[in-house]
Amino acid sequence: MIPKKMFRENERIEVFDEIENVYYKSIIQEVNRDNIAIGVPMGNQGQLLLYKNQIRTFRIIYKDAHYYFKSKVLGRKKSNNLLLFLIAWPAELKRIQQRAFFRFPCSFEIFYWILPAEEEKSIRENKLPFEELVEPLGPPEKGLMADISGGGLQLVASHEILKGSILALRLPLFSKKEKRTFELLGKIVWVKPPYNETARQHRHAVEFMDIEEKLREEIIRFIFILSRERVRS
């Protein structure tokens, strides 16, 4: 059951735009029995208009965690000359602890395959075992993992990988007492070119996709093992 006390007037709420892969910021203006009314979402690109019957992803950020949910846009209305969008009460919330977003600087080798764009939907829906997924793609490419969190990582490569590309990732992580290899999917959400003409390192932000919470918790656990070892050394 959804704790309705989480939805309060004047609380910030964000709306995800799947085209630009960014969140637009809004404010909860009304909390009604049948719906939640929010202001027009705003971002660097301007306004994000919502249309009736769309299913959108939203998030609310608290100090301890991020709460994600999907909701249907019910329509719009005017209140005191303000345009408001009406969204349905969500059926469930997904909670991700803030500690999942602690970014641990590191320098691990990373192996990756770029998935064919035309096969992305089929691959994600069929959820093949990792080895079956990458076997037709040949040997992996190599890069450097510059940091990692429970939500993603920074990949440094000698060439640019296009924003929006979907990667199959193999992440070997080593601590003093333990070795783990994580295999999962990630999406390139931004790319930074080399700092100058002589440098050849392209930096890519990779967001983990379709990750099970158990696997995310395992990655977070390993990050904290590495963090503790670094503090003690």
Protein backbone atom coordinates (compact mmCIF):
# COMPACT_ATOMS: atom_id res chain seq x y z
CA MET A 1 0.00 0.00 0.00
CA ILE A 2 1.31 3.47 -0.92
CA PRO A 3 2.06 5.70 2.12
CA LYS A 4 0.10 8.77 1.04
CA LYS A 5 1.88 10.91 3.61
CA MET A 6 4.87 10.87 1.24
CA PHE A 7 2.92 13.03 -1.18
CA ARG A 8 2.68 16.51 0.29
CA GLU A 9 1.83 19.87 -1.19
CA ASN A 10 4.91 21.94 -2.13
CA GLU A 11 7.03 18.76 -2.24
CA ARG A 12 9.42 18.56 -5.20
CA ILE A 13 8.65 15.87 -7.74
CA GLU A 14 10.55 15.03 -10.92
CA VAL A 15 9.31 13.64 -14.25
CA PHE A 16 11.52 11.53 -16.50
CA ASP A 17 11.70 12.35 -20.20
CA GLU A 18 12.67 9.20 -22.09
CA ILE A 19 13.64 11.10 -25.23
CA GLU A 20 16.26 13.31 -23.56
CA ASN A 21 17.03 10.85 -20.72
CA VAL A 22 16.74 13.60 -18.12
CA TYR A 23 14.42 14.49 -15.26
CA TYR A 24 12.31 17.65 -15.30
CA LYS A 25 11.55 19.33 -11.97
CA SER A 26 8.06 20.12 -10.73
CA ILE A 27 6.14 20.77 -7.50
CA ILE A 28 3.17 18.93 -6.03
CA GLN A 29 0.45 21.59 -5.94
CA GLU A 30 -2.52 19.55 -4.72
CA VAL A 31 -3.03 16.18 -3.07
CA ASN A 32 -6.56 15.03 -3.83
CA ARG A 33 -8.48 11.85 -3.10
CA ASP A 34 -8.50 10.77 -6.74
CA ASN A 35 -5.32 12.35 -8.10
CA ILE A 36 -2.16 14.35 -7.50
CA ALA A 37 -1.84 17.73 -9.21
CA ILE A 38 1.64 18.91 -10.18
CA GLY A 39 2.95 22.05 -11.85
CA VAL A 40 4.42 22.17 -15.33
CA PRO A 41 7.75 20.25 -15.24
CA MET A 42 10.72 22.48 -16.09
CA GLY A 43 14.25 21.70 -17.25
CA ASN A 44 17.16 23.11 -19.21
CA GLN A 45 15.22 22.57 -22.43
CA GLY A 46 12.17 24.43 -21.13
CA GLN A 47 8.79 22.94 -20.29
CA LEU A 48 7.83 19.28 -20.48
CA LEU A 49 4.17 18.94 -21.45
CA LEU A 50 2.28 15.87 -20.28
CA TYR A 51 -0.59 14.39 -22.25
CA LYS A 52 -3.63 12.47 -21.14
CA ASN A 53 -3.20 8.68 -20.85
CA GLN A 54 0.60 8.84 -20.97
CA ILE A 55 2.42 6.58 -18.52
CA ARG A 56 5.34 8.48 -17.02
CA THR A 57 8.13 7.71 -14.58
CA PHE A 58 8.37 10.02 -11.56
CA ARG A 59 10.65 10.33 -8.57
CA ILE A 60 10.60 12.06 -5.21
CA ILE A 61 13.92 12.70 -3.47
CA TYR A 62 14.28 12.51 0.29
CA LYS A 63 17.45 12.67 2.37
CA ASP A 64 17.61 8.92 2.87
CA ALA A 65 16.42 7.62 -0.48
CA HIS A 66 14.99 8.21 -3.93
CA TYR A 67 11.44 6.95 -4.53
CA TYR A 68 10.47 6.01 -8.09
CA PHE A 69 7.03 5.21 -9.45
CA LYS A 70 5.05 5.05 -12.68
CA SER A 71 1.78 6.89 -13.00
CA LYS A 72 -0.84 7.66 -15.62
CA VAL A 73 -1.51 11.24 -16.68
CA LEU A 74 -5.23 11.82 -16.14
CA GLY A 75 -5.47 15.25 -17.72
CA ARG A 76 -4.89 18.89 -16.89
CA LYS A 77 -6.65 21.83 -15.26
CA LYS A 78 -6.21 25.48 -14.36
CA SER A 79 -5.96 26.63 -10.74
CA ASN A 80 -5.42 30.32 -9.95
CA ASN A 81 -4.28 30.75 -13.55
CA LEU A 82 -1.67 28.00 -13.13
CA LEU A 83 -1.61 25.01 -15.47
CA LEU A 84 -1.61 21.79 -13.47
CA PHE A 85 -1.25 18.19 -14.63
CA LEU A 86 -3.26 15.49 -12.89
CA ILE A 87 -1.60 12.14 -12.30
CA ALA A 88 -3.07 8.98 -10.81
CA TRP A 89 -2.07 7.63 -7.44
CA PRO A 90 0.71 5.10 -8.11
CA ALA A 91 0.23 1.42 -7.42
CA GLU A 92 3.71 1.01 -5.95
CA LEU A 93 6.90 2.87 -5.08
CA LYS A 94 10.46 1.71 -5.64
CA ARG A 95 12.88 2.89 -2.96
CA ILE A 96 16.59 3.24 -3.66
CA GLN A 97 18.74 4.25 -0.71
CA GLN A 98 20.92 7.32 -1.11
CA ARG A 99 23.98 5.27 -0.32
CA ALA A 100 23.40 3.50 -3.63
CA PHE A 101 24.54 6.71 -5.34
CA PHE A 102 27.83 7.07 -3.47
CA ARG A 103 30.42 7.14 -6.25
CA PHE A 104 33.61 5.26 -5.44
CA PRO A 105 36.68 6.40 -7.46
CA CYS A 106 38.56 3.40 -8.78
CA SER A 107 40.66 2.10 -11.65
CA PHE A 108 39.43 -1.30 -12.79
CA GLU A 109 39.56 -2.79 -16.26
CA ILE A 110 36.09 -3.15 -17.76
CA PHE A 111 34.85 -5.30 -20.64
CA TYR A 112 31.87 -4.27 -22.73
CA TRP A 113 29.87 -5.09 -25.84
CA ILE A 114 27.76 -2.51 -27.71
CA LEU A 115 24.35 -4.02 -28.41
CA PRO A 116 22.85 -3.51 -31.89
CA ALA A 117 20.28 -0.71 -31.67
CA GLU A 118 17.73 -2.58 -33.76
CA GLU A 119 17.84 -5.55 -31.37
CA GLU A 120 17.74 -3.60 -28.09
CA LYS A 121 14.02 -4.01 -27.42
CA SER A 122 14.04 -7.73 -28.22
CA ILE A 123 17.15 -8.32 -26.11
CA ARG A 124 15.73 -6.54 -23.07
CA GLU A 125 12.34 -8.26 -23.33
CA ASN A 126 13.75 -11.76 -23.83
CA LYS A 127 16.36 -11.37 -21.07
CA LEU A 128 18.81 -13.92 -22.41
CA PRO A 129 21.54 -15.26 -20.12
CA PHE A 130 24.56 -12.97 -20.34
CA GLU A 131 26.78 -15.46 -22.20
CA GLU A 132 24.09 -16.08 -24.82
CA LEU A 133 23.58 -12.34 -25.17
CA VAL A 134 27.21 -11.49 -25.93
CA GLU A 135 28.31 -14.66 -27.74
CA PRO A 136 27.14 -13.47 -31.20
CA LEU A 137 28.86 -10.10 -30.68
CA GLY A 138 32.39 -11.47 -30.66
CA PRO A 139 35.20 -10.46 -28.29
CA PRO A 140 34.56 -7.55 -25.92
CA GLU A 141 36.09 -4.11 -26.04
CA LYS A 142 38.13 -2.91 -23.10
CA GLY A 143 38.03 0.30 -21.13
CA LEU A 144 38.69 1.69 -17.69
CA MET A 145 36.16 2.05 -14.89
CA ALA A 146 36.94 5.42 -13.28
CA ASP A 147 34.21 5.23 -10.64
CA ILE A 148 31.21 3.11 -9.71
CA SER A 149 28.04 3.40 -7.64
CA GLY A 150 24.90 1.35 -7.14
CA GLY A 151 23.34 3.26 -10.01
CA GLY A 152 26.07 3.24 -12.65
CA LEU A 153 29.71 3.89 -13.45
CA GLN A 154 32.07 6.07 -15.44
CA LEU A 155 33.66 4.35 -18.42
CA VAL A 156 36.87 5.72 -19.95
CA ALA A 157 37.51 4.52 -23.49
CA SER A 158 39.91 5.39 -26.31
CA HIS A 159 37.00 6.18 -28.63
CA GLU A 160 33.57 7.75 -28.28
CA ILE A 161 30.52 5.59 -27.62
CA LEU A 162 27.36 7.32 -28.75
CA LYS A 163 24.94 8.63 -26.16
CA GLY A 164 21.99 6.28 -25.81
CA SER A 165 24.01 3.17 -26.69
CA ILE A 166 23.19 0.04 -24.69
CA LEU A 167 26.15 -1.92 -23.38
CA ALA A 168 26.54 -5.41 -22.00
CA LEU A 169 29.04 -4.95 -19.16
CA ARG A 170 31.40 -7.34 -17.45
CA LEU A 171 32.88 -5.77 -14.32
CA PRO A 172 35.71 -7.62 -12.54
CA LEU A 173 36.15 -6.05 -9.07
CA PHE A 174 38.94 -6.96 -6.66
CA SER A 175 39.38 -6.33 -2.96
CA LYS A 176 42.23 -7.63 -0.80
CA LYS A 177 40.19 -10.68 0.20
CA GLU A 178 37.55 -11.08 -2.46
CA LYS A 179 37.05 -11.07 -6.21
CA ARG A 180 33.68 -10.54 -7.89
CA THR A 181 32.61 -10.24 -11.51
CA PHE A 182 29.30 -8.51 -12.21
CA GLU A 183 27.48 -8.84 -15.52
CA LEU A 184 24.65 -6.47 -16.44
CA LEU A 185 23.32 -3.94 -18.94
CA GLY A 186 24.07 -0.22 -18.98
CA LYS A 187 23.09 2.81 -21.02
CA ILE A 188 25.34 5.72 -22.05
CA VAL A 189 23.67 8.85 -20.63
CA TRP A 190 26.41 11.41 -21.38
CA VAL A 191 29.77 11.61 -23.10
CA LYS A 192 32.71 13.93 -22.46
CA PRO A 193 35.34 14.27 -25.22
CA PRO A 194 39.10 14.36 -24.50
CA TYR A 195 40.35 17.43 -22.65
CA ASN A 196 42.77 18.30 -25.44
CA GLU A 197 43.94 17.09 -28.85
CA THR A 198 46.70 14.88 -27.47
CA ALA A 199 44.49 13.09 -24.96
CA ARG A 200 42.48 10.19 -26.33
CA GLN A 201 40.26 9.39 -23.40
CA HIS A 202 36.53 9.73 -23.84
CA ARG A 203 34.56 9.65 -20.59
CA HIS A 204 31.09 8.09 -20.54
CA ALA A 205 28.46 8.03 -17.80
CA VAL A 206 26.78 4.63 -17.80
CA GLU A 207 23.48 4.06 -16.01
CA PHE A 208 22.67 0.49 -15.02
CA MET A 209 19.53 -0.88 -16.70
CA ASP A 210 17.04 -3.57 -15.69
CA ILE A 211 19.16 -4.31 -12.62
CA GLU A 212 17.64 -6.50 -9.92
CA GLU A 213 17.78 -5.03 -6.43
CA LYS A 214 19.68 -8.06 -5.15
CA LEU A 215 22.44 -7.44 -7.68
CA ARG A 216 22.47 -3.70 -6.93
CA GLU A 217 22.88 -4.46 -3.22
CA GLU A 218 25.77 -6.81 -4.02
CA ILE A 219 27.53 -4.05 -5.97
CA ILE A 220 26.92 -1.56 -3.14
CA ARG A 221 28.25 -4.06 -0.59
CA PHE A 222 31.43 -4.54 -2.60
CA ILE A 223 31.89 -0.78 -3.01
CA PHE A 224 31.83 -0.36 0.75
CA ILE A 225 34.36 -3.17 1.19
CA LEU A 226 36.69 -1.32 -1.18
CA SER A 227 35.98 1.99 0.55
CA ARG A 228 36.83 0.59 3.98
CA GLU A 229 40.04 -0.96 2.67
CA ARG A 230 41.10 2.37 1.21
CA VAL A 231 40.47 4.19 4.50
CA ARG A 232 42.51 1.64 6.44
CA SER A 233 45.46 1.59 4.04
